[in-house]
Amino acid sequence: MYHGLVKFKQLVADKSRGDLSIRIFIGSQLGNDNDILEQAMAGAAIAVLVDGGRLSFYQHEIGILGAPYLLNDLDELNQLVHSPMFAQWAEQLANNSGIKILAFNWWQGERHVLSNKRIDEPTDLSGVRLRTIGAPVWIETIKAMGATPTPLAWAEVYSGLQQKVIDGAEAQHAGTYGARLYEVISYINKTGHINLISGLVASNGWFEQLTSMQQQIVVESANEAGAYATQLVTNMEADIETKLVAQGVQIHIPDKSQFKRATGVVYKNLGYQKLKQKIETYLNNPKADSLLIKTKHSGQYYVE
């Protein structure tokens, strides 16, 4: 994701011929995600990579991007985030909360269960305190999988596992390796329960102050950088898994069908049943790709 942000910075500088510049801050130097969202809503020239679960507090529908087993592959992801449905959610988010989605195609990988015991089925997670993100869709998913959801800052996961404050966690390979969690877990159970899809979001007030050409540059650059970052993830996942195994972690592949059945209740509990059906219908529409058009200012949309 960092390399993607560097790419975004370069693209914006090159396409605007230096009229626009991006500065990158790492390690929550500007505050945590919620702090940055609040700053963006207030009009600050600030942006952050954030998942749909966090945005669900401001636009309910966007939270479905973090729901379990929603998408089958990256093609479906790109189709959905460039759809008229998503464009409508993004517009409502901008109008009602002042948060502008620049691109939502930054894929960080599938999330798996990290533990010190082998997990074959949901019942194996009974009583397991599993760290997850503190947003409704994530908490409901982990609960439906059979574990006890335990929101905890990512920076505290390593020490939490080490000190047994939590029994396990869930993360994508890059996150697991980058945080050196292989030192405090024994198993990666490849449940693939959630695709970690992130969006680069900024202040809508700031965005509206840009010229039409500058808006187009920022949106196009964000989408190009997201595709670039996603490709890096797909290229590196197998290599990272090899490195995790070399560190002594056992890779276990449970039967996903049991977890899919168990997590179906999440859509009902959060009021996403009809929306899920609408998304499935849309993704199964063979004519969708032929309806792709480009707008002047806002990137790619589909005509309904």
Protein backbone atom coordinates (compact mmCIF):
# COMPACT_ATOMS: atom_id res chain seq x y z
CA MET A 1 0.00 0.00 0.00
CA TYR A 2 2.87 2.36 0.74
CA HIS A 3 4.34 1.77 -2.73
CA GLY A 4 0.88 2.49 -4.13
CA LEU A 5 0.78 5.81 -2.32
CA VAL A 6 4.22 6.68 -3.69
CA LYS A 7 2.85 5.88 -7.14
CA PHE A 8 -0.15 8.13 -6.48
CA LYS A 9 2.16 10.96 -5.45
CA GLN A 10 4.22 10.60 -8.62
CA LEU A 11 1.21 10.37 -10.92
CA VAL A 12 -0.42 13.48 -9.45
CA ALA A 13 2.81 15.48 -9.71
CA ASP A 14 3.48 14.37 -13.29
CA LYS A 15 -0.07 14.80 -14.62
CA SER A 16 -0.53 18.19 -12.98
CA ARG A 17 2.97 19.28 -14.02
CA GLY A 18 3.72 20.24 -10.45
CA ASP A 19 0.51 22.18 -9.74
CA LEU A 20 -0.55 19.58 -7.19
CA SER A 21 1.73 17.87 -4.68
CA ILE A 22 1.19 15.02 -2.24
CA ARG A 23 3.01 14.43 1.05
CA ILE A 24 2.96 10.96 2.58
CA PHE A 25 2.84 10.35 6.34
CA ILE A 26 3.22 6.84 7.76
CA GLY A 27 2.66 5.27 11.17
CA SER A 28 -0.45 7.31 12.07
CA GLN A 29 1.60 10.53 12.25
CA LEU A 30 -1.52 12.54 11.45
CA GLY A 31 -3.76 10.54 13.80
CA ASN A 32 -5.65 7.27 13.53
CA ASP A 33 -8.09 6.60 10.70
CA ASN A 34 -11.08 8.02 12.55
CA ASP A 35 -9.15 11.18 13.44
CA ILE A 36 -8.21 11.69 9.80
CA LEU A 37 -11.77 11.12 8.62
CA GLU A 38 -12.94 13.80 11.05
CA GLN A 39 -10.29 16.19 9.73
CA ALA A 40 -11.37 15.43 6.16
CA MET A 41 -15.01 16.07 7.05
CA ALA A 42 -13.94 19.44 8.44
CA GLY A 43 -12.34 20.36 5.10
CA ALA A 44 -8.65 19.66 5.73
CA ALA A 45 -6.48 18.79 2.73
CA ILE A 46 -5.92 15.28 4.01
CA ALA A 47 -6.53 11.76 2.68
CA VAL A 48 -6.33 8.23 4.08
CA LEU A 49 -6.65 4.62 2.99
CA VAL A 50 -9.65 3.20 4.83
CA ASP A 51 -11.84 0.11 4.62
CA GLY A 52 -15.58 0.10 3.97
CA GLY A 53 -16.36 -1.00 7.51
CA ARG A 54 -15.16 2.30 8.94
CA LEU A 55 -17.10 4.26 6.32
CA SER A 56 -20.30 2.35 7.16
CA PHE A 57 -20.78 4.71 10.11
CA TYR A 58 -21.28 7.51 7.56
CA GLN A 59 -22.77 5.57 4.61
CA HIS A 60 -24.32 2.25 5.57
CA GLU A 61 -24.18 0.59 2.14
CA ILE A 62 -20.41 0.94 1.79
CA GLY A 63 -19.95 -1.35 4.78
CA ILE A 64 -20.97 -4.32 2.65
CA LEU A 65 -17.52 -4.21 1.01
CA GLY A 66 -16.18 -5.74 4.21
CA ALA A 67 -18.87 -8.41 4.44
CA PRO A 68 -17.86 -12.09 4.35
CA TYR A 69 -17.44 -13.93 1.06
CA LEU A 70 -19.05 -11.12 -0.95
CA LEU A 71 -16.79 -11.27 -4.00
CA ASN A 72 -15.20 -14.16 -5.88
CA ASP A 73 -12.28 -12.37 -7.52
CA LEU A 74 -10.67 -9.04 -8.38
CA ASP A 75 -12.70 -8.70 -11.58
CA GLU A 76 -15.86 -8.59 -9.50
CA LEU A 77 -14.25 -6.06 -7.17
CA ASN A 78 -13.44 -3.71 -10.04
CA GLN A 79 -16.87 -4.18 -11.55
CA LEU A 80 -18.58 -3.34 -8.26
CA VAL A 81 -16.52 -0.28 -7.29
CA HIS A 82 -17.03 1.22 -10.77
CA SER A 83 -20.76 0.51 -10.78
CA PRO A 84 -23.71 2.96 -10.66
CA MET A 85 -24.60 1.53 -7.25
CA PHE A 86 -21.22 2.41 -5.82
CA ALA A 87 -21.24 5.82 -7.53
CA GLN A 88 -24.53 6.56 -5.77
CA TRP A 89 -23.14 5.52 -2.38
CA ALA A 90 -20.05 7.65 -2.97
CA GLU A 91 -22.14 10.67 -3.92
CA GLN A 92 -24.30 10.32 -0.82
CA LEU A 93 -21.19 9.97 1.35
CA ALA A 94 -19.73 13.16 -0.13
CA ASN A 95 -22.95 15.14 0.21
CA ASN A 96 -23.93 13.97 3.68
CA SER A 97 -20.56 13.57 5.40
CA GLY A 98 -18.06 15.58 3.37
CA ILE A 99 -15.91 12.52 2.57
CA LYS A 100 -14.84 12.16 -1.06
CA ILE A 101 -13.93 8.71 -2.39
CA LEU A 102 -11.07 9.10 -4.85
CA ALA A 103 -10.77 5.36 -5.59
CA PHE A 104 -11.87 2.16 -3.90
CA ASN A 105 -9.83 -0.43 -5.79
CA TRP A 106 -6.96 -0.84 -3.30
CA TRP A 107 -7.05 -4.57 -2.50
CA GLN A 108 -4.85 -5.73 0.36
CA GLY A 109 -5.63 -9.45 0.24
CA GLU A 110 -7.86 -12.07 1.83
CA ARG A 111 -8.08 -12.16 5.61
CA HIS A 112 -7.30 -15.44 7.36
CA VAL A 113 -7.56 -16.67 10.95
CA LEU A 114 -4.25 -16.55 12.84
CA SER A 115 -4.06 -18.85 15.83
CA ASN A 116 -2.03 -21.20 17.94
CA LYS A 117 -4.27 -24.14 17.15
CA ARG A 118 -5.62 -25.63 13.95
CA ILE A 119 -9.05 -24.38 12.94
CA ASP A 120 -11.14 -26.78 10.84
CA GLU A 121 -14.67 -25.49 11.39
CA PRO A 122 -16.54 -22.68 13.17
CA THR A 123 -16.97 -24.72 16.35
CA ASP A 124 -13.17 -24.73 16.74
CA LEU A 125 -13.36 -20.97 17.31
CA SER A 126 -15.71 -21.25 20.27
CA GLY A 127 -14.30 -19.21 23.16
CA VAL A 128 -11.40 -17.90 21.05
CA ARG A 129 -10.79 -14.17 21.55
CA LEU A 130 -10.04 -13.05 18.02
CA ARG A 131 -8.73 -9.58 17.27
CA THR A 132 -10.59 -7.74 14.53
CA ILE A 133 -11.39 -4.23 13.34
CA GLY A 134 -13.94 -2.40 15.50
CA ALA A 135 -16.61 -1.88 12.84
CA PRO A 136 -20.03 -3.61 12.78
CA VAL A 137 -19.47 -5.77 9.69
CA TRP A 138 -16.15 -7.10 11.00
CA ILE A 139 -17.45 -7.75 14.51
CA GLU A 140 -20.55 -9.55 13.23
CA THR A 141 -18.45 -11.66 10.85
CA ILE A 142 -16.07 -12.87 13.54
CA LYS A 143 -18.98 -13.56 15.88
CA ALA A 144 -20.77 -15.58 13.17
CA MET A 145 -17.58 -17.58 12.57
CA GLY A 146 -17.80 -18.74 16.18
CA ALA A 147 -15.14 -16.59 17.85
CA THR A 148 -15.35 -13.75 20.35
CA PRO A 149 -14.59 -10.54 18.42
CA THR A 150 -12.03 -8.40 20.25
CA PRO A 151 -11.33 -4.97 18.73
CA LEU A 152 -7.72 -3.95 19.29
CA ALA A 153 -5.39 -1.47 17.64
CA TRP A 154 -3.23 -3.17 14.99
CA ALA A 155 -0.07 -1.95 16.71
CA GLU A 156 -1.12 -3.88 19.84
CA VAL A 157 -1.83 -7.23 18.16
CA TYR A 158 1.71 -8.61 18.54
CA SER A 159 1.90 -7.83 22.26
CA GLY A 160 -1.72 -8.95 22.71
CA LEU A 161 -0.90 -12.39 21.30
CA GLN A 162 2.37 -12.56 23.19
CA GLN A 163 0.73 -11.70 26.52
CA LYS A 164 -2.39 -13.80 25.73
CA VAL A 165 -4.71 -10.82 25.95
CA ILE A 166 -6.13 -12.30 22.74
CA ASP A 167 -6.01 -15.88 21.49
CA GLY A 168 -5.79 -15.10 17.80
CA ALA A 169 -6.25 -12.52 15.10
CA GLU A 170 -7.27 -12.26 11.48
CA ALA A 171 -5.23 -10.61 8.78
CA GLN A 172 -4.01 -10.79 5.20
CA HIS A 173 -0.57 -12.29 4.51
CA ALA A 174 1.20 -8.95 3.98
CA GLY A 175 -0.08 -7.63 7.30
CA THR A 176 0.85 -10.83 9.13
CA TYR A 177 4.38 -10.81 7.76
CA GLY A 178 4.93 -7.06 8.12
CA ALA A 179 3.90 -7.11 11.78
CA ARG A 180 6.07 -10.21 12.43
CA LEU A 181 3.06 -12.05 13.84
CA TYR A 182 4.68 -15.30 12.73
CA GLU A 183 6.71 -15.01 15.96
CA VAL A 184 3.59 -15.33 18.14
CA ILE A 185 1.29 -17.67 16.17
CA SER A 186 1.54 -21.28 15.02
CA TYR A 187 -1.16 -21.49 12.34
CA ILE A 188 -2.56 -19.48 9.48
CA ASN A 189 -5.96 -20.97 8.75
CA LYS A 190 -6.84 -19.84 5.24
CA THR A 191 -10.51 -19.04 5.73
CA GLY A 192 -10.39 -16.08 3.32
CA HIS A 193 -13.48 -14.79 5.12
CA ILE A 194 -13.06 -11.13 4.16
CA ASN A 195 -11.39 -9.38 1.25
CA LEU A 196 -9.63 -6.34 2.67
CA ILE A 197 -10.71 -3.67 0.20
CA SER A 198 -9.56 -0.14 0.92
CA GLY A 199 -10.46 3.22 -0.52
CA LEU A 200 -8.41 6.36 -0.80
CA VAL A 201 -10.70 9.03 0.61
CA ALA A 202 -10.25 12.76 1.12
CA SER A 203 -12.15 15.90 2.06
CA ASN A 204 -14.98 16.65 -0.34
CA GLY A 205 -14.68 20.35 0.56
CA TRP A 206 -11.04 20.31 -0.54
CA PHE A 207 -11.86 18.31 -3.68
CA GLU A 208 -14.57 20.76 -4.75
CA GLN A 209 -12.05 23.61 -4.62
CA LEU A 210 -9.94 21.98 -7.33
CA THR A 211 -10.42 22.76 -11.00
CA SER A 212 -12.20 20.19 -13.15
CA MET A 213 -8.89 19.13 -14.66
CA GLN A 214 -7.26 18.78 -11.24
CA GLN A 215 -10.21 16.69 -10.02
CA GLN A 216 -9.83 14.39 -12.99
CA ILE A 217 -6.09 14.05 -12.37
CA VAL A 218 -6.54 13.17 -8.71
CA VAL A 219 -9.27 10.57 -9.37
CA GLU A 220 -7.47 8.96 -12.30
CA SER A 221 -4.21 8.85 -10.36
CA ALA A 222 -5.90 7.30 -7.32
CA ASN A 223 -7.42 4.55 -9.47
CA GLU A 224 -4.17 3.88 -11.32
CA ALA A 225 -2.22 3.74 -8.06
CA GLY A 226 -4.84 1.43 -6.53
CA ALA A 227 -4.52 -0.97 -9.46
CA TYR A 228 -0.73 -0.81 -9.13
CA ALA A 229 -0.79 -1.54 -5.39
CA THR A 230 -3.25 -4.40 -5.92
CA GLN A 231 -0.97 -5.96 -8.53
CA LEU A 232 1.95 -5.77 -6.13
CA VAL A 233 -0.10 -7.64 -3.54
CA THR A 234 -1.13 -10.38 -5.97
CA ASN A 235 2.46 -10.74 -7.18
CA MET A 236 3.88 -11.04 -3.65
CA GLU A 237 1.33 -13.20 -1.82
CA ALA A 238 2.83 -16.57 -2.77
CA ASP A 239 6.32 -15.37 -1.88
CA ILE A 240 5.14 -14.02 1.48
CA GLU A 241 3.42 -17.31 2.27
CA THR A 242 6.68 -19.13 1.56
CA LYS A 243 8.48 -16.79 3.94
CA LEU A 244 5.84 -17.36 6.63
CA VAL A 245 6.29 -21.11 6.33
CA ALA A 246 10.05 -20.65 6.57
CA GLN A 247 9.47 -18.88 9.88
CA GLY A 248 7.74 -21.98 11.23
CA VAL A 249 4.08 -21.09 10.63
CA GLN A 250 1.84 -23.94 9.47
CA ILE A 251 -0.55 -23.12 6.63
CA HIS A 252 -3.88 -24.92 7.01
CA ILE A 253 -6.70 -24.84 4.47
CA PRO A 254 -10.05 -25.58 6.13
CA ASP A 255 -13.32 -26.24 4.32
CA LYS A 256 -14.56 -22.73 3.52
CA SER A 257 -18.12 -23.89 2.86
CA GLN A 258 -18.81 -24.24 6.58
CA PHE A 259 -17.62 -20.69 7.24
CA LYS A 260 -19.64 -19.36 4.31
CA ARG A 261 -22.80 -20.95 5.71
CA ALA A 262 -22.07 -19.70 9.23
CA THR A 263 -21.47 -16.11 8.12
CA GLY A 264 -24.57 -15.85 5.95
CA VAL A 265 -26.37 -14.46 9.01
CA VAL A 266 -24.19 -11.33 8.91
CA TYR A 267 -26.13 -9.93 5.95
CA LYS A 268 -29.41 -10.41 7.82
CA ASN A 269 -28.13 -8.96 11.08
CA LEU A 270 -26.83 -5.79 9.40
CA GLY A 271 -29.69 -5.33 6.96
CA TYR A 272 -27.63 -6.17 3.88
CA GLN A 273 -29.71 -9.07 2.50
CA LYS A 274 -31.45 -7.14 -0.28
CA LEU A 275 -28.30 -5.22 -1.13
CA LYS A 276 -26.33 -8.48 -1.42
CA GLN A 277 -28.94 -9.83 -3.83
CA LYS A 278 -28.77 -6.63 -5.87
CA ILE A 279 -24.98 -6.87 -6.06
CA GLU A 280 -25.12 -10.52 -7.10
CA THR A 281 -27.63 -9.70 -9.83
CA TYR A 282 -25.48 -6.87 -11.08
CA LEU A 283 -22.28 -8.91 -11.12
CA ASN A 284 -24.03 -11.68 -13.04
CA ASN A 285 -25.19 -9.25 -15.74
CA PRO A 286 -23.22 -10.23 -18.86
CA LYS A 287 -23.93 -6.86 -20.49
CA ALA A 288 -22.39 -4.80 -17.71
CA ASP A 289 -18.99 -4.38 -19.32
CA SER A 290 -20.53 -3.06 -22.53
CA LEU A 291 -22.21 -0.27 -20.57
CA LEU A 292 -18.96 1.19 -19.23
CA ILE A 293 -18.53 4.88 -19.94
CA LYS A 294 -16.17 7.57 -18.71
CA THR A 295 -17.17 10.88 -17.23
CA LYS A 296 -15.11 14.01 -17.39
CA HIS A 297 -14.52 14.52 -13.71
CA SER A 298 -15.26 11.37 -11.77
CA GLY A 299 -13.54 8.46 -13.45
CA GLN A 300 -15.47 5.35 -14.50
CA TYR A 301 -19.16 4.69 -13.99
CA TYR A 302 -21.73 2.29 -15.37
CA VAL A 303 -25.01 3.28 -16.96
CA GLU A 304 -28.04 1.58 -15.42
